[in-house]
């Protein structure tokens, strides 16, 4: 009865419903945030919106809007694998779109796409692994502070920033980085099979490029913006459905408590210090790409 009524009155879209494309934003530094006010991008935070996106009615594709300088390699890999598992399960194509930057772990996320697009000026690549920190051993000596470090296991205090750096510990770190780098390269080889147009020595040395140069190297499939590309594929009637993680009740309560007049100075100072460190770390990651 309802169907005949809708057909008789020619209700728009009844016989030819609009195709749906889910849009998932993958923005920011990848990994666990240092405070509830500045959460990082993790699989636990993205899993629910990812599952909801792939279950949408009339879904034609999933679009990933990526703007990330990278971060934790394990979380990058976990998010990519979850996207691919859902895409294969539901037989839905995935398109990745780089905005300002899709570098390091951000480029790994882009590799979840069956096709990758970017702006001419996007920063793409940085297929490598980096570890950074500070050494304070000389400063402690100058100001007369003695460092006391006791461990069970001779490598437990490895790379302690308040102790002198030791060559054997640096070699162990480089070995770990090489393992992670090899995994990263395997992902790019698999996801960009038959598309790479330069030697691995040039592609996998940590260098990064503009979107235009990345297209020439085969790291992306085209220059284009999300709305434009999706409408070219699925028509002007396509309906975009933004998907994203909801902030948990606990995080909302924490933010409200921190901002309330009754919050203790010690707790506020601790949260502010954690946020400040997070900002410094984030700016350092973005700053590597001139952003």
C-alpha atoms as a PDB file:
ATOM      1  CA  UNK A   1       0.000   0.000   0.000  1.00  0.00           C
ATOM      2  CA  UNK A   2       2.741   2.475   0.995  1.00  0.00           C
ATOM      3  CA  UNK A   3       4.782   1.563  -2.070  1.00  0.00           C
ATOM      4  CA  UNK A   4       1.816   2.188  -4.431  1.00  0.00           C
ATOM      5  CA  UNK A   5       1.121   5.498  -2.689  1.00  0.00           C
ATOM      6  CA  UNK A   6       4.738   6.656  -3.094  1.00  0.00           C
ATOM      7  CA  UNK A   7       4.826   5.581  -6.733  1.00  0.00           C
ATOM      8  CA  UNK A   8       1.481   7.230  -7.504  1.00  0.00           C
ATOM      9  CA  UNK A   9       2.550  10.545  -6.007  1.00  0.00           C
ATOM     10  CA  UNK A  10       6.021  10.281  -7.578  1.00  0.00           C
ATOM     11  CA  UNK A  11       7.856  10.813  -4.335  1.00  0.00           C
ATOM     12  CA  UNK A  12      11.412  11.955  -5.289  1.00  0.00           C
ATOM     13  CA  UNK A  13      14.074   9.291  -4.873  1.00  0.00           C
ATOM     14  CA  UNK A  14      11.682   6.413  -4.186  1.00  0.00           C
ATOM     15  CA  UNK A  15      12.422   4.425  -7.328  1.00  0.00           C
ATOM     16  CA  UNK A  16      15.978   5.738  -7.667  1.00  0.00           C
ATOM     17  CA  UNK A  17      17.308   6.441  -4.146  1.00  0.00           C
ATOM     18  CA  UNK A  18      20.370   8.592  -3.754  1.00  0.00           C
ATOM     19  CA  UNK A  19      23.656   6.672  -3.445  1.00  0.00           C
ATOM     20  CA  UNK A  20      25.414   7.088  -0.106  1.00  0.00           C
ATOM     21  CA  UNK A  21      29.126   7.621   0.499  1.00  0.00           C
ATOM     22  CA  UNK A  22      30.378   7.542   4.087  1.00  0.00           C
ATOM     23  CA  UNK A  23      33.044  10.139   4.931  1.00  0.00           C
ATOM     24  CA  UNK A  24      35.451   9.329   7.766  1.00  0.00           C
ATOM     25  CA  UNK A  25      37.911  11.988   8.923  1.00  0.00           C
ATOM     26  CA  UNK A  26      41.310  10.678  10.010  1.00  0.00           C
ATOM     27  CA  UNK A  27      42.825  13.826  11.459  1.00  0.00           C
ATOM     28  CA  UNK A  28      45.715  14.494  13.823  1.00  0.00           C
ATOM     29  CA  UNK A  29      48.544  12.579  15.391  1.00  0.00           C
ATOM     30  CA  UNK A  30      48.153   8.797  15.452  1.00  0.00           C
ATOM     31  CA  UNK A  31      48.437   7.079  18.829  1.00  0.00           C
ATOM     32  CA  UNK A  32      47.245   7.380  22.384  1.00  0.00           C
ATOM     33  CA  UNK A  33      46.901  10.985  23.534  1.00  0.00           C
ATOM     34  CA  UNK A  34      48.687  12.156  26.661  1.00  0.00           C
ATOM     35  CA  UNK A  35      45.557  13.674  28.218  1.00  0.00           C
ATOM     36  CA  UNK A  36      41.760  13.248  27.925  1.00  0.00           C
ATOM     37  CA  UNK A  37      41.552  16.753  26.502  1.00  0.00           C
ATOM     38  CA  UNK A  38      43.878  15.862  23.622  1.00  0.00           C
ATOM     39  CA  UNK A  39      43.109  12.287  22.544  1.00  0.00           C
ATOM     40  CA  UNK A  40      45.105  10.739  19.739  1.00  0.00           C
ATOM     41  CA  UNK A  41      43.825   8.746  16.777  1.00  0.00           C
ATOM     42  CA  UNK A  42      43.520   5.070  17.763  1.00  0.00           C
ATOM     43  CA  UNK A  43      41.669   1.985  16.567  1.00  0.00           C
ATOM     44  CA  UNK A  44      39.634   1.874  19.775  1.00  0.00           C
ATOM     45  CA  UNK A  45      38.352   5.380  19.068  1.00  0.00           C
ATOM     46  CA  UNK A  46      37.662   4.731  15.376  1.00  0.00           C
ATOM     47  CA  UNK A  47      36.348   1.180  15.414  1.00  0.00           C
ATOM     48  CA  UNK A  48      32.700   2.066  16.116  1.00  0.00           C
ATOM     49  CA  UNK A  49      32.334   4.790  13.440  1.00  0.00           C
ATOM     50  CA  UNK A  50      34.145   2.538  10.947  1.00  0.00           C
ATOM     51  CA  UNK A  51      31.724  -0.313  11.568  1.00  0.00           C
ATOM     52  CA  UNK A  52      28.737   2.029  11.384  1.00  0.00           C
ATOM     53  CA  UNK A  53      29.996   3.498   8.117  1.00  0.00           C
ATOM     54  CA  UNK A  54      30.256   0.146   6.367  1.00  0.00           C
ATOM     55  CA  UNK A  55      26.735  -0.835   7.539  1.00  0.00           C
ATOM     56  CA  UNK A  56      24.984   2.212   6.038  1.00  0.00           C
ATOM     57  CA  UNK A  57      22.017   1.575   3.779  1.00  0.00           C
ATOM     58  CA  UNK A  58      22.599   2.153   0.026  1.00  0.00           C
ATOM     59  CA  UNK A  59      26.330   2.557   0.680  1.00  0.00           C
ATOM     60  CA  UNK A  60      28.380   2.825  -2.504  1.00  0.00           C
ATOM     61  CA  UNK A  61      31.812   3.732  -1.108  1.00  0.00           C
ATOM     62  CA  UNK A  62      33.750   4.927   1.928  1.00  0.00           C
ATOM     63  CA  UNK A  63      35.876   8.078   1.638  1.00  0.00           C
ATOM     64  CA  UNK A  64      38.763   8.695   4.035  1.00  0.00           C
ATOM     65  CA  UNK A  65      39.642  12.370   4.565  1.00  0.00           C
ATOM     66  CA  UNK A  66      43.213  12.218   5.870  1.00  0.00           C
ATOM     67  CA  UNK A  67      45.211  14.998   7.471  1.00  0.00           C
ATOM     68  CA  UNK A  68      47.935  13.436   9.628  1.00  0.00           C
ATOM     69  CA  UNK A  69      51.722  13.732  10.035  1.00  0.00           C
ATOM     70  CA  UNK A  70      51.869  10.202  11.451  1.00  0.00           C
ATOM     71  CA  UNK A  71      52.555   8.900  14.913  1.00  0.00           C
ATOM     72  CA  UNK A  72      52.427   5.420  16.420  1.00  0.00           C
ATOM     73  CA  UNK A  73      53.224   2.775  13.771  1.00  0.00           C
ATOM     74  CA  UNK A  74      51.246   0.017  15.509  1.00  0.00           C
ATOM     75  CA  UNK A  75      48.049   2.094  15.645  1.00  0.00           C
ATOM     76  CA  UNK A  76      48.544   3.130  12.009  1.00  0.00           C
ATOM     77  CA  UNK A  77      48.766  -0.518  11.008  1.00  0.00           C
ATOM     78  CA  UNK A  78      45.802  -1.570  13.160  1.00  0.00           C
ATOM     79  CA  UNK A  79      43.529   1.128  11.706  1.00  0.00           C
ATOM     80  CA  UNK A  80      44.557   0.246   8.139  1.00  0.00           C
ATOM     81  CA  UNK A  81      43.919  -3.469   8.713  1.00  0.00           C
ATOM     82  CA  UNK A  82      40.488  -2.797  10.216  1.00  0.00           C
ATOM     83  CA  UNK A  83      39.459  -0.625   7.278  1.00  0.00           C
ATOM     84  CA  UNK A  84      40.598  -3.268   4.805  1.00  0.00           C
ATOM     85  CA  UNK A  85      38.851  -6.069   6.700  1.00  0.00           C
ATOM     86  CA  UNK A  86      35.555  -4.155   6.651  1.00  0.00           C
ATOM     87  CA  UNK A  87      35.973  -3.196   2.980  1.00  0.00           C
ATOM     88  CA  UNK A  88      36.571  -6.816   1.989  1.00  0.00           C
ATOM     89  CA  UNK A  89      33.734  -8.111   4.180  1.00  0.00           C
ATOM     90  CA  UNK A  90      31.160  -5.703   2.751  1.00  0.00           C
ATOM     91  CA  UNK A  91      32.720  -5.505  -0.748  1.00  0.00           C
ATOM     92  CA  UNK A  92      32.775  -1.702  -0.622  1.00  0.00           C
ATOM     93  CA  UNK A  93      35.446   0.407  -2.372  1.00  0.00           C
ATOM     94  CA  UNK A  94      37.512   2.806  -0.282  1.00  0.00           C
ATOM     95  CA  UNK A  95      38.859   6.143  -1.525  1.00  0.00           C
ATOM     96  CA  UNK A  96      41.562   8.018   0.400  1.00  0.00           C
ATOM     97  CA  UNK A  97      41.942  11.805   0.129  1.00  0.00           C
ATOM     98  CA  UNK A  98      44.996  13.586   1.512  1.00  0.00           C
ATOM     99  CA  UNK A  99      44.459  17.142   2.694  1.00  0.00           C
ATOM    100  CA  UNK A 100      47.442  19.131   4.051  1.00  0.00           C
ATOM    101  CA  UNK A 101      49.536  16.071   4.801  1.00  0.00           C
ATOM    102  CA  UNK A 102      49.392  12.289   4.629  1.00  0.00           C
ATOM    103  CA  UNK A 103      52.903  11.408   5.701  1.00  0.00           C
ATOM    104  CA  UNK A 104      54.544   8.601   7.650  1.00  0.00           C
ATOM    105  CA  UNK A 105      51.675   6.871   9.488  1.00  0.00           C
ATOM    106  CA  UNK A 106      49.302   9.240   7.704  1.00  0.00           C
ATOM    107  CA  UNK A 107      50.418   7.798   4.372  1.00  0.00           C
ATOM    108  CA  UNK A 108      50.012   4.297   5.791  1.00  0.00           C
ATOM    109  CA  UNK A 109      46.380   5.178   6.494  1.00  0.00           C
ATOM    110  CA  UNK A 110      46.015   6.430   2.919  1.00  0.00           C
ATOM    111  CA  UNK A 111      47.161   3.012   1.733  1.00  0.00           C
ATOM    112  CA  UNK A 112      43.890   1.630   3.109  1.00  0.00           C
ATOM    113  CA  UNK A 113      42.264   3.193   0.056  1.00  0.00           C
ATOM    114  CA  UNK A 114      41.787   1.330  -3.207  1.00  0.00           C
ATOM    115  CA  UNK A 115      42.645   4.675  -4.764  1.00  0.00           C
ATOM    116  CA  UNK A 116      44.510   7.636  -3.244  1.00  0.00           C
ATOM    117  CA  UNK A 117      43.963  11.273  -4.194  1.00  0.00           C
ATOM    118  CA  UNK A 118      45.627  14.479  -3.022  1.00  0.00           C
ATOM    119  CA  UNK A 119      45.859  18.181  -3.719  1.00  0.00           C
ATOM    120  CA  UNK A 120      48.788  19.395  -5.802  1.00  0.00           C
ATOM    121  CA  UNK A 121      50.278  20.944  -2.651  1.00  0.00           C
ATOM    122  CA  UNK A 122      49.565  18.111  -0.220  1.00  0.00           C
ATOM    123  CA  UNK A 123      52.584  16.597   1.531  1.00  0.00           C
ATOM    124  CA  UNK A 124      52.843  12.878   0.779  1.00  0.00           C
ATOM    125  CA  UNK A 125      55.292  10.143   1.760  1.00  0.00           C
ATOM    126  CA  UNK A 126      57.861  10.033   4.559  1.00  0.00           C
ATOM    127  CA  UNK A 127      57.935   6.239   4.379  1.00  0.00           C
ATOM    128  CA  UNK A 128      60.345   5.713   7.243  1.00  0.00           C
ATOM    129  CA  UNK A 129      60.628   5.503  11.020  1.00  0.00           C
ATOM    130  CA  UNK A 130      61.883   8.175  13.400  1.00  0.00           C
ATOM    131  CA  UNK A 131      62.605   8.238  17.120  1.00  0.00           C
ATOM    132  CA  UNK A 132      63.540  11.460  18.873  1.00  0.00           C
ATOM    133  CA  UNK A 133      64.235  12.691  22.356  1.00  0.00           C
ATOM    134  CA  UNK A 134      66.626  14.707  24.496  1.00  0.00           C
ATOM    135  CA  UNK A 135      69.711  13.896  26.529  1.00  0.00           C
ATOM    136  CA  UNK A 136      70.068  15.632  29.897  1.00  0.00           C
ATOM    137  CA  UNK A 137      73.137  13.846  31.294  1.00  0.00           C
ATOM    138  CA  UNK A 138      75.465  16.833  30.725  1.00  0.00           C
ATOM    139  CA  UNK A 139      72.969  19.281  32.234  1.00  0.00           C
ATOM    140  CA  UNK A 140      72.602  17.189  35.394  1.00  0.00           C
ATOM    141  CA  UNK A 141      76.377  17.126  35.865  1.00  0.00           C
ATOM    142  CA  UNK A 142      76.639  20.889  35.485  1.00  0.00           C
ATOM    143  CA  UNK A 143      73.973  21.616  38.074  1.00  0.00           C
ATOM    144  CA  UNK A 144      75.234  18.978  40.501  1.00  0.00           C
ATOM    145  CA  UNK A 145      72.402  16.431  40.302  1.00  0.00           C
ATOM    146  CA  UNK A 146      73.250  12.730  40.515  1.00  0.00           C
ATOM    147  CA  UNK A 147      71.167  10.315  38.452  1.00  0.00           C
ATOM    148  CA  UNK A 148      70.313   7.066  40.249  1.00  0.00           C
ATOM    149  CA  UNK A 149      68.877   4.302  38.065  1.00  0.00           C
ATOM    150  CA  UNK A 150      68.466   0.718  39.298  1.00  0.00           C
ATOM    151  CA  UNK A 151      67.163  -2.057  37.039  1.00  0.00           C
ATOM    152  CA  UNK A 152      66.653  -5.814  36.960  1.00  0.00           C
ATOM    153  CA  UNK A 153      67.700  -6.606  33.395  1.00  0.00           C
ATOM    154  CA  UNK A 154      70.662  -4.896  31.807  1.00  0.00           C
ATOM    155  CA  UNK A 155      68.552  -3.357  28.999  1.00  0.00           C
ATOM    156  CA  UNK A 156      65.684  -2.138  31.177  1.00  0.00           C
ATOM    157  CA  UNK A 157      67.121   1.378  31.437  1.00  0.00           C
ATOM    158  CA  UNK A 158      68.006   1.552  27.747  1.00  0.00           C
ATOM    159  CA  UNK A 159      68.075   5.069  26.245  1.00  0.00           C
ATOM    160  CA  UNK A 160      67.334   6.733  29.570  1.00  0.00           C
ATOM    161  CA  UNK A 161      67.449  10.481  28.732  1.00  0.00           C
ATOM    162  CA  UNK A 162      69.229  11.301  32.007  1.00  0.00           C
ATOM    163  CA  UNK A 163      72.081   8.831  31.399  1.00  0.00           C
ATOM    164  CA  UNK A 164      74.891   9.008  28.810  1.00  0.00           C
ATOM    165  CA  UNK A 165      73.973   7.446  25.476  1.00  0.00           C
ATOM    166  CA  UNK A 166      75.641   4.099  24.783  1.00  0.00           C
ATOM    167  CA  UNK A 167      76.430   2.850  21.234  1.00  0.00           C
ATOM    168  CA  UNK A 168      75.079  -0.649  21.865  1.00  0.00           C
ATOM    169  CA  UNK A 169      71.722   0.769  22.950  1.00  0.00           C
ATOM    170  CA  UNK A 170      71.524   2.923  19.816  1.00  0.00           C
ATOM    171  CA  UNK A 171      72.154  -0.204  17.713  1.00  0.00           C
ATOM    172  CA  UNK A 172      69.279  -1.988  19.429  1.00  0.00           C
ATOM    173  CA  UNK A 173      66.997   0.971  18.720  1.00  0.00           C
ATOM    174  CA  UNK A 174      68.044   1.001  15.057  1.00  0.00           C
ATOM    175  CA  UNK A 175      67.294  -2.726  14.815  1.00  0.00           C
ATOM    176  CA  UNK A 176      63.789  -2.145  16.170  1.00  0.00           C
ATOM    177  CA  UNK A 177      63.266   0.766  13.772  1.00  0.00           C
ATOM    178  CA  UNK A 178      64.369  -1.407  10.857  1.00  0.00           C
ATOM    179  CA  UNK A 179      61.760  -4.041  11.718  1.00  0.00           C
ATOM    180  CA  UNK A 180      59.031  -1.394  11.782  1.00  0.00           C
ATOM    181  CA  UNK A 181      60.329   0.137   8.542  1.00  0.00           C
ATOM    182  CA  UNK A 182      60.293  -3.259   6.823  1.00  0.00           C
ATOM    183  CA  UNK A 183      56.643  -3.734   7.819  1.00  0.00           C
ATOM    184  CA  UNK A 184      55.793  -0.269   6.481  1.00  0.00           C
ATOM    185  CA  UNK A 185      57.495  -1.046   3.163  1.00  0.00           C
ATOM    186  CA  UNK A 186      55.625  -4.357   2.883  1.00  0.00           C
ATOM    187  CA  UNK A 187      52.298  -2.519   3.273  1.00  0.00           C
ATOM    188  CA  UNK A 188      53.171   0.000   0.552  1.00  0.00           C
ATOM    189  CA  UNK A 189      54.415  -2.743  -1.792  1.00  0.00           C
ATOM    190  CA  UNK A 190      51.188  -4.698  -1.323  1.00  0.00           C
ATOM    191  CA  UNK A 191      48.711  -1.826  -1.503  1.00  0.00           C
ATOM    192  CA  UNK A 192      50.482  -0.020  -4.363  1.00  0.00           C
ATOM    193  CA  UNK A 193      51.442  -3.139  -6.310  1.00  0.00           C
ATOM    194  CA  UNK A 194      52.050  -2.358  -9.974  1.00  0.00           C
ATOM    195  CA  UNK A 195      51.665   1.403  -9.404  1.00  0.00           C
ATOM    196  CA  UNK A 196      55.041   2.503  -7.989  1.00  0.00           C
ATOM    197  CA  UNK A 197      57.175   4.286 -10.583  1.00  0.00           C
ATOM    198  CA  UNK A 198      60.503   4.715  -8.808  1.00  0.00           C
ATOM    199  CA  UNK A 199      63.064   2.520  -7.092  1.00  0.00           C
ATOM    200  CA  UNK A 200      62.654   1.564  -3.456  1.00  0.00           C
ATOM    201  CA  UNK A 201      65.828   3.408  -2.495  1.00  0.00           C
ATOM    202  CA  UNK A 202      64.127   6.623  -3.586  1.00  0.00           C
ATOM    203  CA  UNK A 203      60.651   5.844  -2.235  1.00  0.00           C
ATOM    204  CA  UNK A 204      61.441   4.302   1.131  1.00  0.00           C
ATOM    205  CA  UNK A 205      64.169   6.592   2.474  1.00  0.00           C
ATOM    206  CA  UNK A 206      61.844   8.851   4.497  1.00  0.00           C
ATOM    207  CA  UNK A 207      61.644  11.620   1.893  1.00  0.00           C
ATOM    208  CA  UNK A 208      58.333  13.379   1.276  1.00  0.00           C
ATOM    209  CA  UNK A 209      56.910  15.158  -1.754  1.00  0.00           C
ATOM    210  CA  UNK A 210      54.083  17.370  -2.989  1.00  0.00           C
ATOM    211  CA  UNK A 211      50.968  15.708  -4.315  1.00  0.00           C
ATOM    212  CA  UNK A 212      51.989  16.459  -7.896  1.00  0.00           C
ATOM    213  CA  UNK A 213      55.354  14.737  -7.458  1.00  0.00           C
ATOM    214  CA  UNK A 214      53.755  11.873  -5.514  1.00  0.00           C
ATOM    215  CA  UNK A 215      51.508  11.235  -8.533  1.00  0.00           C
ATOM    216  CA  UNK A 216      54.564  10.973 -10.775  1.00  0.00           C
ATOM    217  CA  UNK A 217      56.125   8.487  -8.333  1.00  0.00           C
ATOM    218  CA  UNK A 218      52.992   6.350  -8.203  1.00  0.00           C
ATOM    219  CA  UNK A 219      52.320   6.971  -4.522  1.00  0.00           C
ATOM    220  CA  UNK A 220      48.857   8.368  -5.329  1.00  0.00           C
ATOM    221  CA  UNK A 221      46.380   7.790  -8.157  1.00  0.00           C
ATOM    222  CA  UNK A 222      45.240  11.299  -8.931  1.00  0.00           C
ATOM    223  CA  UNK A 223      44.931  14.962  -8.065  1.00  0.00           C
ATOM    224  CA  UNK A 224      41.491  15.735  -6.763  1.00  0.00           C
ATOM    225  CA  UNK A 225      39.260  16.828  -3.900  1.00  0.00           C
ATOM    226  CA  UNK A 226      36.860  14.494  -2.120  1.00  0.00           C
ATOM    227  CA  UNK A 227      33.532  16.017  -3.198  1.00  0.00           C
ATOM    228  CA  UNK A 228      34.639  16.499  -6.794  1.00  0.00           C
ATOM    229  CA  UNK A 229      36.016  12.971  -7.239  1.00  0.00           C
ATOM    230  CA  UNK A 230      33.082  11.232  -5.560  1.00  0.00           C
ATOM    231  CA  UNK A 231      30.503  13.163  -7.624  1.00  0.00           C
ATOM    232  CA  UNK A 232      32.385  12.263 -10.795  1.00  0.00           C
ATOM    233  CA  UNK A 233      32.130   8.591  -9.799  1.00  0.00           C
ATOM    234  CA  UNK A 234      28.603   8.446  -8.372  1.00  0.00           C
ATOM    235  CA  UNK A 235      26.803  11.486  -9.800  1.00  0.00           C
ATOM    236  CA  UNK A 236      25.615  14.804  -8.413  1.00  0.00           C
ATOM    237  CA  UNK A 237      22.824  13.149  -6.413  1.00  0.00           C
ATOM    238  CA  UNK A 238      25.265  11.306  -4.152  1.00  0.00           C
ATOM    239  CA  UNK A 239      24.630  11.833  -0.448  1.00  0.00           C
ATOM    240  CA  UNK A 240      27.662  12.278   1.807  1.00  0.00           C
ATOM    241  CA  UNK A 241      27.303  10.812   5.292  1.00  0.00           C
ATOM    242  CA  UNK A 242      29.945  12.091   7.756  1.00  0.00           C
ATOM    243  CA  UNK A 243      30.938   9.531  10.372  1.00  0.00           C
ATOM    244  CA  UNK A 244      33.048  10.169  13.453  1.00  0.00           C
ATOM    245  CA  UNK A 245      33.800   9.065  16.997  1.00  0.00           C
ATOM    246  CA  UNK A 246      31.585  10.406  19.745  1.00  0.00           C
ATOM    247  CA  UNK A 247      33.256  11.852  22.804  1.00  0.00           C
ATOM    248  CA  UNK A 248      32.726   9.545  25.749  1.00  0.00           C
ATOM    249  CA  UNK A 249      30.789  10.611  28.836  1.00  0.00           C
ATOM    250  CA  UNK A 250      33.987  10.327  30.893  1.00  0.00           C
ATOM    251  CA  UNK A 251      35.910  12.700  28.632  1.00  0.00           C
ATOM    252  CA  UNK A 252      33.085  15.227  28.646  1.00  0.00           C
ATOM    253  CA  UNK A 253      32.931  15.076  32.438  1.00  0.00           C
ATOM    254  CA  UNK A 254      36.710  15.455  32.710  1.00  0.00           C
ATOM    255  CA  UNK A 255      36.712  18.526  30.480  1.00  0.00           C
ATOM    256  CA  UNK A 256      33.837  20.070  32.413  1.00  0.00           C
ATOM    257  CA  UNK A 257      35.497  19.362  35.759  1.00  0.00           C
ATOM    258  CA  UNK A 258      38.800  20.868  34.593  1.00  0.00           C
ATOM    259  CA  UNK A 259      37.059  24.048  33.443  1.00  0.00           C
ATOM    260  CA  UNK A 260      34.816  24.407  36.494  1.00  0.00           C
ATOM    261  CA  UNK A 261      35.614  27.011  39.197  1.00  0.00           C
ATOM    262  CA  UNK A 262      35.774  24.273  41.834  1.00  0.00           C
ATOM    263  CA  UNK A 263      38.569  22.330  40.141  1.00  0.00           C
ATOM    264  CA  UNK A 264      41.708  22.133  42.281  1.00  0.00           C
ATOM    265  CA  UNK A 265      44.790  24.040  41.214  1.00  0.00           C
ATOM    266  CA  UNK A 266      46.933  20.905  41.339  1.00  0.00           C
ATOM    267  CA  UNK A 267      44.626  19.001  38.989  1.00  0.00           C
ATOM    268  CA  UNK A 268      44.380  21.964  36.641  1.00  0.00           C
ATOM    269  CA  UNK A 269      48.140  22.409  36.616  1.00  0.00           C
ATOM    270  CA  UNK A 270      48.631  18.721  35.862  1.00  0.00           C
ATOM    271  CA  UNK A 271      46.151  18.769  32.993  1.00  0.00           C
ATOM    272  CA  UNK A 272      47.654  21.982  31.624  1.00  0.00           C
ATOM    273  CA  UNK A 273      51.172  20.531  31.750  1.00  0.00           C
ATOM    274  CA  UNK A 274      50.044  17.368  29.956  1.00  0.00           C
ATOM    275  CA  UNK A 275      48.270  19.429  27.320  1.00  0.00           C
ATOM    276  CA  UNK A 276      51.323  21.635  26.847  1.00  0.00           C
ATOM    277  CA  UNK A 277      53.545  18.607  26.261  1.00  0.00           C
ATOM    278  CA  UNK A 278      51.014  17.223  23.792  1.00  0.00           C
ATOM    279  CA  UNK A 279      50.964  20.507  21.880  1.00  0.00           C
ATOM    280  CA  UNK A 280      54.771  20.590  21.706  1.00  0.00           C
ATOM    281  CA  UNK A 281      54.935  17.010  20.444  1.00  0.00           C
ATOM    282  CA  UNK A 282      52.189  17.610  17.884  1.00  0.00           C
ATOM    283  CA  UNK A 283      53.779  20.825  16.625  1.00  0.00           C
ATOM    284  CA  UNK A 284      57.092  19.004  16.213  1.00  0.00           C
ATOM    285  CA  UNK A 285      55.414  16.342  14.061  1.00  0.00           C
ATOM    286  CA  UNK A 286      53.517  18.858  11.929  1.00  0.00           C
ATOM    287  CA  UNK A 287      56.588  21.121  11.783  1.00  0.00           C
ATOM    288  CA  UNK A 288      58.626  18.448  10.018  1.00  0.00           C
ATOM    289  CA  UNK A 289      56.421  19.043   6.985  1.00  0.00           C
ATOM    290  CA  UNK A 290      56.444  22.837   7.121  1.00  0.00           C
ATOM    291  CA  UNK A 291      52.957  23.081   8.622  1.00  0.00           C
END
